[in-house]
């Protein structure tokens, strides 16, 4: 039994039509839900309130757990690069600053970032690091950030 190209084309067309019908049916069902618009407005309002309040703060990892610190470091670098490339400079700089804080060798990381980031973005990063230096609660964190600030000058 041999399947011709025509049969395959018809089967693909029927499958595509069924999928499109499925999408239209559930979109119609979703839009006719009386709570849909209410939920959508609440979600947008909550998102707007979260961004106005400074957004969700990143929680620092347990510095004793090396794997957790490394995972957090890579996550913050990736998130910072993604946000900066998408145009969200402020949040991207905040994530990069978090990565610098937990980095074992912040001076080398800052040198790499200085070479790869635009000058304005790097300046924002330095200013953010100085802000963190003034806000840090623990003495060891404050000393580490002060050392980084000294390296930058």
N, C-alpha and C. Protein backbone atom coordinates (compact mmCIF):
# COMPACT_ATOMS: atom_id res chain seq x y z
N UNK A 1 0.85 -1.18 0.00
CA UNK A 1 0.00 0.00 0.00
C UNK A 1 0.89 1.24 0.00
N UNK A 2 0.69 2.06 -0.98
CA UNK A 2 1.50 3.25 -1.15
C UNK A 2 0.63 4.49 -0.94
N UNK A 3 1.19 5.44 -0.17
CA UNK A 3 0.45 6.68 0.12
C UNK A 3 0.94 7.75 -0.85
N UNK A 4 0.01 8.35 -1.55
CA UNK A 4 0.40 9.35 -2.53
C UNK A 4 0.57 10.73 -1.88
N UNK A 5 1.15 11.63 -2.63
CA UNK A 5 1.35 13.00 -2.14
C UNK A 5 0.02 13.70 -1.94
N UNK A 6 -0.93 13.37 -2.75
CA UNK A 6 -2.26 13.97 -2.64
C UNK A 6 -2.91 13.58 -1.32
N UNK A 7 -2.78 12.33 -0.93
CA UNK A 7 -3.36 11.85 0.32
C UNK A 7 -2.69 12.52 1.52
N UNK A 8 -1.40 12.67 1.44
CA UNK A 8 -0.67 13.34 2.53
C UNK A 8 -1.09 14.80 2.61
N UNK A 9 -1.25 15.45 1.47
CA UNK A 9 -1.68 16.85 1.44
C UNK A 9 -3.08 17.02 2.02
N UNK A 10 -3.97 16.13 1.67
CA UNK A 10 -5.34 16.19 2.20
C UNK A 10 -5.33 15.96 3.70
N UNK A 11 -4.56 14.99 4.17
CA UNK A 11 -4.49 14.70 5.61
C UNK A 11 -3.92 15.90 6.37
N UNK A 12 -2.89 16.54 5.81
CA UNK A 12 -2.30 17.72 6.47
C UNK A 12 -3.30 18.87 6.49
N UNK A 13 -4.04 19.04 5.40
CA UNK A 13 -5.06 20.09 5.36
C UNK A 13 -6.17 19.87 6.37
N UNK A 14 -6.62 18.63 6.50
CA UNK A 14 -7.67 18.30 7.48
C UNK A 14 -7.14 18.51 8.90
N UNK A 15 -5.92 18.08 9.16
CA UNK A 15 -5.34 18.26 10.50
C UNK A 15 -5.19 19.74 10.82
N UNK A 16 -4.75 20.53 9.87
CA UNK A 16 -4.61 21.98 10.08
C UNK A 16 -5.95 22.63 10.34
N UNK A 17 -6.97 22.24 9.59
CA UNK A 17 -8.31 22.79 9.77
C UNK A 17 -8.86 22.42 11.15
N UNK A 18 -8.66 21.18 11.57
CA UNK A 18 -9.13 20.76 12.90
C UNK A 18 -8.43 21.55 14.00
N UNK A 19 -7.12 21.74 13.87
CA UNK A 19 -6.37 22.51 14.87
C UNK A 19 -6.85 23.94 14.93
N UNK A 20 -7.05 24.56 13.78
CA UNK A 20 -7.54 25.93 13.73
C UNK A 20 -8.93 26.04 14.36
N UNK A 21 -9.80 25.07 14.06
CA UNK A 21 -11.13 25.05 14.67
C UNK A 21 -11.06 24.92 16.18
N UNK A 22 -10.15 24.08 16.66
CA UNK A 22 -9.93 23.89 18.09
C UNK A 22 -9.51 25.21 18.74
N UNK A 23 -8.58 25.91 18.12
CA UNK A 23 -8.09 27.19 18.65
C UNK A 23 -9.21 28.23 18.69
N UNK A 24 -9.99 28.31 17.62
CA UNK A 24 -11.07 29.30 17.56
C UNK A 24 -12.14 28.98 18.60
N UNK A 25 -12.49 27.72 18.75
CA UNK A 25 -13.50 27.32 19.73
C UNK A 25 -13.09 27.72 21.15
N UNK A 26 -11.87 27.38 21.55
CA UNK A 26 -11.47 27.68 22.92
C UNK A 26 -11.20 29.16 23.13
N UNK A 27 -10.76 29.89 22.10
CA UNK A 27 -10.61 31.33 22.23
C UNK A 27 -11.97 31.98 22.43
N UNK A 28 -12.96 31.52 21.67
CA UNK A 28 -14.33 32.04 21.81
C UNK A 28 -14.86 31.73 23.22
N UNK A 29 -14.65 30.52 23.67
CA UNK A 29 -15.10 30.11 25.00
C UNK A 29 -14.43 30.97 26.08
N UNK A 30 -13.14 31.23 25.92
CA UNK A 30 -12.40 32.03 26.90
C UNK A 30 -12.90 33.46 26.92
N UNK A 31 -13.11 34.05 25.75
CA UNK A 31 -13.54 35.44 25.67
C UNK A 31 -14.96 35.64 26.19
N UNK A 32 -15.81 34.64 26.09
CA UNK A 32 -17.19 34.75 26.57
C UNK A 32 -17.31 34.50 28.06
N UNK A 33 -16.24 34.08 28.69
CA UNK A 33 -16.25 33.86 30.14
C UNK A 33 -16.45 35.20 30.84
N UNK A 34 -17.45 35.32 31.72
CA UNK A 34 -17.72 36.61 32.36
C UNK A 34 -16.57 37.09 33.26
N UNK A 35 -15.77 36.19 33.77
CA UNK A 35 -14.68 36.58 34.66
C UNK A 35 -13.38 36.87 33.92
N UNK A 36 -13.34 36.60 32.60
CA UNK A 36 -12.09 36.75 31.86
C UNK A 36 -11.57 38.18 31.91
N UNK A 37 -12.40 39.14 31.56
CA UNK A 37 -11.95 40.53 31.54
C UNK A 37 -11.60 41.01 32.94
N UNK A 38 -12.36 40.57 33.92
CA UNK A 38 -12.08 40.95 35.30
C UNK A 38 -10.71 40.40 35.73
N UNK A 39 -10.46 39.14 35.45
CA UNK A 39 -9.18 38.53 35.80
C UNK A 39 -8.03 39.20 35.04
N UNK A 40 -8.27 39.53 33.77
CA UNK A 40 -7.24 40.17 32.97
C UNK A 40 -6.88 41.54 33.54
N UNK A 41 -7.89 42.32 33.93
CA UNK A 41 -7.64 43.63 34.53
C UNK A 41 -6.88 43.49 35.85
N UNK A 42 -7.28 42.52 36.68
CA UNK A 42 -6.60 42.31 37.96
C UNK A 42 -5.14 41.94 37.74
N UNK A 43 -4.89 41.06 36.77
CA UNK A 43 -3.53 40.64 36.47
C UNK A 43 -2.68 41.83 36.01
N UNK A 44 -3.24 42.65 35.13
CA UNK A 44 -2.51 43.83 34.65
C UNK A 44 -2.27 44.82 35.78
N UNK A 45 -3.26 44.99 36.65
CA UNK A 45 -3.12 45.91 37.77
C UNK A 45 -2.03 45.42 38.73
N UNK A 46 -2.02 44.12 39.00
CA UNK A 46 -1.01 43.55 39.89
C UNK A 46 0.39 43.69 39.28
N UNK A 47 0.50 43.47 37.97
CA UNK A 47 1.79 43.60 37.31
C UNK A 47 2.27 45.04 37.34
N UNK A 48 1.35 45.97 37.11
CA UNK A 48 1.71 47.38 37.14
C UNK A 48 2.13 47.81 38.55
N UNK A 49 1.42 47.32 39.58
CA UNK A 49 1.76 47.65 40.96
C UNK A 49 3.13 47.06 41.33
N UNK A 50 3.41 45.87 40.85
CA UNK A 50 4.71 45.24 41.15
C UNK A 50 5.85 46.01 40.49
N UNK A 51 5.65 46.47 39.26
CA UNK A 51 6.71 47.22 38.60
C UNK A 51 6.86 48.62 39.21
N UNK A 52 5.76 49.22 39.70
CA UNK A 52 5.84 50.54 40.33
C UNK A 52 6.52 50.45 41.69
N UNK A 53 6.38 49.32 42.36
CA UNK A 53 6.98 49.14 43.67
C UNK A 53 8.43 48.69 43.57
N UNK A 54 8.99 48.72 42.38
CA UNK A 54 10.39 48.32 42.22
C UNK A 54 10.52 46.88 41.78
N UNK A 55 9.42 46.21 41.56
CA UNK A 55 9.45 44.84 41.08
C UNK A 55 9.86 43.88 42.18
N UNK A 56 9.79 42.61 41.89
CA UNK A 56 10.18 41.63 42.89
C UNK A 56 11.68 41.65 43.11
N UNK A 57 12.09 41.79 44.32
CA UNK A 57 13.51 41.82 44.67
C UNK A 57 14.08 40.42 44.59
N UNK A 58 15.30 40.34 44.13
CA UNK A 58 15.99 39.08 44.04
C UNK A 58 16.53 38.72 45.42
N UNK A 59 16.28 37.48 45.83
CA UNK A 59 16.80 37.04 47.12
C UNK A 59 18.18 36.44 46.89
N UNK A 60 19.11 36.83 47.73
CA UNK A 60 20.48 36.35 47.61
C UNK A 60 20.56 34.89 48.07
N UNK A 61 21.43 34.11 47.46
CA UNK A 61 21.55 32.70 47.83
C UNK A 61 22.31 32.54 49.14
N UNK A 62 22.26 31.34 49.66
CA UNK A 62 23.05 30.97 50.84
C UNK A 62 24.51 30.92 50.39
N UNK A 63 25.32 31.83 50.92
CA UNK A 63 26.71 31.95 50.46
C UNK A 63 27.56 30.74 50.85
N UNK A 64 27.09 29.91 51.78
CA UNK A 64 27.84 28.73 52.17
C UNK A 64 27.68 27.60 51.15
N UNK A 65 26.61 27.62 50.38
CA UNK A 65 26.34 26.58 49.37
C UNK A 65 26.92 27.04 48.03
N UNK A 66 28.07 26.48 47.68
CA UNK A 66 28.80 26.91 46.47
C UNK A 66 27.97 26.70 45.20
N UNK A 67 27.27 25.54 45.11
CA UNK A 67 26.48 25.26 43.91
C UNK A 67 25.34 26.26 43.76
N UNK A 68 24.69 26.59 44.86
CA UNK A 68 23.59 27.55 44.82
C UNK A 68 24.10 28.93 44.40
N UNK A 69 25.25 29.32 44.92
CA UNK A 69 25.84 30.61 44.55
C UNK A 69 26.19 30.61 43.07
N UNK A 70 26.77 29.53 42.57
CA UNK A 70 27.15 29.45 41.17
C UNK A 70 25.91 29.49 40.27
N UNK A 71 24.86 28.76 40.65
CA UNK A 71 23.62 28.77 39.88
C UNK A 71 23.01 30.17 39.86
N UNK A 72 23.01 30.83 41.02
CA UNK A 72 22.48 32.19 41.13
C UNK A 72 23.29 33.15 40.26
N UNK A 73 24.61 33.01 40.30
CA UNK A 73 25.50 33.87 39.52
C UNK A 73 25.19 33.75 38.03
N UNK A 74 25.13 32.52 37.52
CA UNK A 74 24.86 32.31 36.10
C UNK A 74 23.46 32.81 35.72
N UNK A 75 22.50 32.58 36.60
CA UNK A 75 21.13 33.03 36.34
C UNK A 75 21.08 34.55 36.25
N UNK A 76 21.76 35.23 37.16
CA UNK A 76 21.73 36.69 37.17
C UNK A 76 22.46 37.27 35.96
N UNK A 77 23.57 36.66 35.55
CA UNK A 77 24.29 37.13 34.36
C UNK A 77 23.39 36.98 33.13
N UNK A 78 22.78 35.81 32.98
CA UNK A 78 21.92 35.57 31.83
C UNK A 78 20.72 36.51 31.83
N UNK A 79 20.11 36.69 32.99
CA UNK A 79 18.94 37.56 33.08
C UNK A 79 19.34 39.01 32.79
N UNK A 80 20.47 39.44 33.32
CA UNK A 80 20.94 40.81 33.08
C UNK A 80 21.21 41.05 31.60
N UNK A 81 21.91 40.11 30.95
CA UNK A 81 22.20 40.27 29.53
C UNK A 81 20.91 40.28 28.71
N UNK A 82 19.97 39.40 29.04
CA UNK A 82 18.72 39.34 28.29
C UNK A 82 17.93 40.64 28.45
N UNK A 83 17.85 41.14 29.67
CA UNK A 83 17.09 42.37 29.90
C UNK A 83 17.74 43.57 29.22
N UNK A 84 19.05 43.65 29.27
CA UNK A 84 19.74 44.77 28.62
C UNK A 84 19.56 44.69 27.10
N UNK A 85 19.67 43.50 26.55
CA UNK A 85 19.51 43.38 25.09
C UNK A 85 18.08 43.66 24.65
N UNK A 86 17.10 43.44 25.55
CA UNK A 86 15.70 43.74 25.19
C UNK A 86 15.34 45.19 25.47
N UNK A 87 16.27 45.96 26.07
CA UNK A 87 16.03 47.38 26.29
C UNK A 87 15.69 47.76 27.71
N UNK A 88 15.54 46.79 28.60
CA UNK A 88 15.22 47.08 30.00
C UNK A 88 16.53 47.23 30.77
N UNK A 89 17.16 48.39 30.62
CA UNK A 89 18.50 48.63 31.14
C UNK A 89 18.53 48.58 32.67
N UNK A 90 17.57 49.24 33.33
CA UNK A 90 17.58 49.34 34.79
C UNK A 90 17.55 47.96 35.45
N UNK A 91 16.60 47.12 35.04
CA UNK A 91 16.50 45.79 35.64
C UNK A 91 17.70 44.92 35.25
N UNK A 92 18.19 45.08 34.03
CA UNK A 92 19.36 44.33 33.60
C UNK A 92 20.58 44.67 34.43
N UNK A 93 20.76 45.96 34.72
CA UNK A 93 21.90 46.40 35.54
C UNK A 93 21.74 45.87 36.96
N UNK A 94 20.52 45.82 37.47
CA UNK A 94 20.31 45.29 38.82
C UNK A 94 20.72 43.83 38.90
N UNK A 95 20.38 43.04 37.88
CA UNK A 95 20.75 41.63 37.87
C UNK A 95 22.26 41.46 37.74
N UNK A 96 22.89 42.28 36.90
CA UNK A 96 24.35 42.20 36.78
C UNK A 96 25.03 42.59 38.09
N UNK A 97 24.48 43.59 38.79
CA UNK A 97 25.04 43.99 40.08
C UNK A 97 24.93 42.85 41.08
N UNK A 98 23.81 42.13 41.07
CA UNK A 98 23.66 40.97 41.95
C UNK A 98 24.72 39.92 41.64
N UNK A 99 25.01 39.72 40.35
CA UNK A 99 26.03 38.75 39.96
C UNK A 99 27.40 39.19 40.45
N UNK A 100 27.70 40.47 40.36
CA UNK A 100 29.00 40.98 40.81
C UNK A 100 29.14 40.79 42.32
N UNK A 101 28.05 41.00 43.05
CA UNK A 101 28.09 40.88 44.51
C UNK A 101 28.46 39.46 44.94
N UNK A 102 27.90 38.44 44.27
CA UNK A 102 28.17 37.07 44.69
C UNK A 102 29.39 36.47 44.00
N UNK A 103 29.98 37.21 43.07
CA UNK A 103 31.13 36.69 42.32
C UNK A 103 32.34 36.55 43.23
N UNK A 104 33.09 35.48 43.02
CA UNK A 104 34.30 35.26 43.81
C UNK A 104 35.43 36.20 43.43
N UNK A 105 35.45 36.64 42.18
CA UNK A 105 36.48 37.56 41.70
C UNK A 105 35.80 38.74 41.00
N UNK A 106 35.25 39.66 41.78
CA UNK A 106 34.47 40.75 41.19
C UNK A 106 35.30 41.70 40.33
N UNK A 107 36.57 41.89 40.66
CA UNK A 107 37.39 42.83 39.88
C UNK A 107 37.53 42.34 38.44
N UNK A 108 37.78 41.04 38.25
CA UNK A 108 37.91 40.50 36.89
C UNK A 108 36.58 40.56 36.16
N UNK A 109 35.48 40.25 36.86
CA UNK A 109 34.16 40.32 36.23
C UNK A 109 33.85 41.75 35.79
N UNK A 110 34.18 42.71 36.63
CA UNK A 110 33.93 44.11 36.27
C UNK A 110 34.77 44.53 35.07
N UNK A 111 36.00 44.02 34.97
CA UNK A 111 36.83 44.34 33.81
C UNK A 111 36.21 43.78 32.53
N UNK A 112 35.69 42.56 32.61
CA UNK A 112 35.04 41.96 31.45
C UNK A 112 33.78 42.74 31.08
N UNK A 113 32.99 43.09 32.09
CA UNK A 113 31.78 43.86 31.83
C UNK A 113 32.09 45.23 31.26
N UNK A 114 33.18 45.84 31.71
CA UNK A 114 33.57 47.15 31.19
C UNK A 114 33.91 47.06 29.70
N UNK A 115 34.51 45.96 29.30
CA UNK A 115 34.87 45.79 27.89
C UNK A 115 33.67 45.43 27.02
N UNK A 116 32.67 44.76 27.61
CA UNK A 116 31.56 44.26 26.79
C UNK A 116 30.32 45.16 26.82
N UNK A 117 30.12 45.90 27.90
CA UNK A 117 28.92 46.74 28.01
C UNK A 117 29.17 48.13 27.44
N UNK A 118 28.13 48.77 26.95
CA UNK A 118 28.27 50.18 26.55
C UNK A 118 28.63 51.03 27.77
N UNK A 119 29.27 52.15 27.53
CA UNK A 119 29.79 52.99 28.62
C UNK A 119 28.68 53.45 29.57
N UNK A 120 27.52 53.84 29.03
CA UNK A 120 26.43 54.32 29.89
C UNK A 120 25.92 53.21 30.79
N UNK A 121 25.82 52.00 30.24
CA UNK A 121 25.32 50.87 31.03
C UNK A 121 26.32 50.51 32.12
N UNK A 122 27.62 50.53 31.78
CA UNK A 122 28.64 50.21 32.78
C UNK A 122 28.63 51.26 33.89
N UNK A 123 28.43 52.53 33.54
CA UNK A 123 28.35 53.59 34.54
C UNK A 123 27.17 53.37 35.47
N UNK A 124 26.02 52.95 34.90
CA UNK A 124 24.87 52.63 35.75
C UNK A 124 25.19 51.47 36.69
N UNK A 125 25.91 50.48 36.18
CA UNK A 125 26.30 49.34 37.01
C UNK A 125 27.18 49.78 38.17
N UNK A 126 28.14 50.65 37.90
CA UNK A 126 29.03 51.14 38.96
C UNK A 126 28.22 51.92 40.00
N UNK A 127 27.32 52.77 39.53
CA UNK A 127 26.48 53.53 40.47
C UNK A 127 25.62 52.61 41.31
N UNK A 128 25.10 51.56 40.69
CA UNK A 128 24.27 50.59 41.43
C UNK A 128 25.11 49.87 42.48
N UNK A 129 26.35 49.53 42.13
CA UNK A 129 27.24 48.87 43.09
C UNK A 129 27.52 49.80 44.27
N UNK A 130 27.69 51.08 44.00
CA UNK A 130 27.92 52.04 45.09
C UNK A 130 26.69 52.16 45.97
N UNK A 131 25.51 52.13 45.36
CA UNK A 131 24.27 52.16 46.15
C UNK A 131 24.18 50.94 47.05
N UNK A 132 24.50 49.77 46.49
CA UNK A 132 24.48 48.55 47.30
C UNK A 132 25.49 48.64 48.44
N UNK A 133 26.62 49.28 48.19
CA UNK A 133 27.63 49.45 49.23
C UNK A 133 27.10 50.27 50.39
N UNK A 134 26.27 51.25 50.11
CA UNK A 134 25.69 52.08 51.16
C UNK A 134 24.53 51.42 51.87
N UNK A 135 23.85 50.47 51.21
CA UNK A 135 22.66 49.83 51.78
C UNK A 135 22.96 48.50 52.45
N UNK A 136 24.12 47.93 52.25
CA UNK A 136 24.42 46.60 52.74
C UNK A 136 24.30 46.53 54.25
N UNK A 137 23.66 45.44 54.71
CA UNK A 137 23.41 45.31 56.15
C UNK A 137 24.57 44.68 56.91
N UNK A 138 25.15 43.60 56.38
CA UNK A 138 26.19 42.88 57.11
C UNK A 138 27.54 43.53 56.96
N UNK A 139 28.38 43.40 57.99
CA UNK A 139 29.70 44.00 57.95
C UNK A 139 30.57 43.35 56.89
N UNK A 140 30.48 42.01 56.74
CA UNK A 140 31.30 41.34 55.73
C UNK A 140 30.86 41.74 54.33
N UNK A 141 29.54 41.88 54.11
CA UNK A 141 29.04 42.32 52.81
C UNK A 141 29.50 43.75 52.54
N UNK A 142 29.43 44.58 53.55
CA UNK A 142 29.83 45.98 53.38
C UNK A 142 31.32 46.06 53.05
N UNK A 143 32.14 45.25 53.72
CA UNK A 143 33.58 45.26 53.46
C UNK A 143 33.88 44.77 52.04
N UNK A 144 33.17 43.74 51.60
CA UNK A 144 33.38 43.21 50.25
C UNK A 144 32.99 44.25 49.21
N UNK A 145 31.86 44.92 49.41
CA UNK A 145 31.42 45.94 48.46
C UNK A 145 32.36 47.15 48.49
N UNK A 146 32.87 47.48 49.66
CA UNK A 146 33.82 48.61 49.74
C UNK A 146 35.10 48.27 48.99
N UNK A 147 35.56 47.02 49.10
CA UNK A 147 36.74 46.60 48.36
C UNK A 147 36.50 46.69 46.85
N UNK A 148 35.28 46.30 46.41
CA UNK A 148 34.94 46.41 44.99
C UNK A 148 34.93 47.86 44.54
N UNK A 149 34.36 48.74 45.38
CA UNK A 149 34.32 50.15 45.03
C UNK A 149 35.73 50.73 44.95
N UNK A 150 36.60 50.28 45.85
CA UNK A 150 37.99 50.74 45.81
C UNK A 150 38.68 50.27 44.53
N UNK A 151 38.37 49.04 44.12
CA UNK A 151 38.96 48.51 42.88
C UNK A 151 38.50 49.31 41.67
N UNK A 152 37.27 49.81 41.72
CA UNK A 152 36.71 50.55 40.58
C UNK A 152 37.34 51.92 40.45
N UNK A 153 37.78 52.50 41.54
CA UNK A 153 38.35 53.85 41.49
C UNK A 153 39.78 53.87 41.14
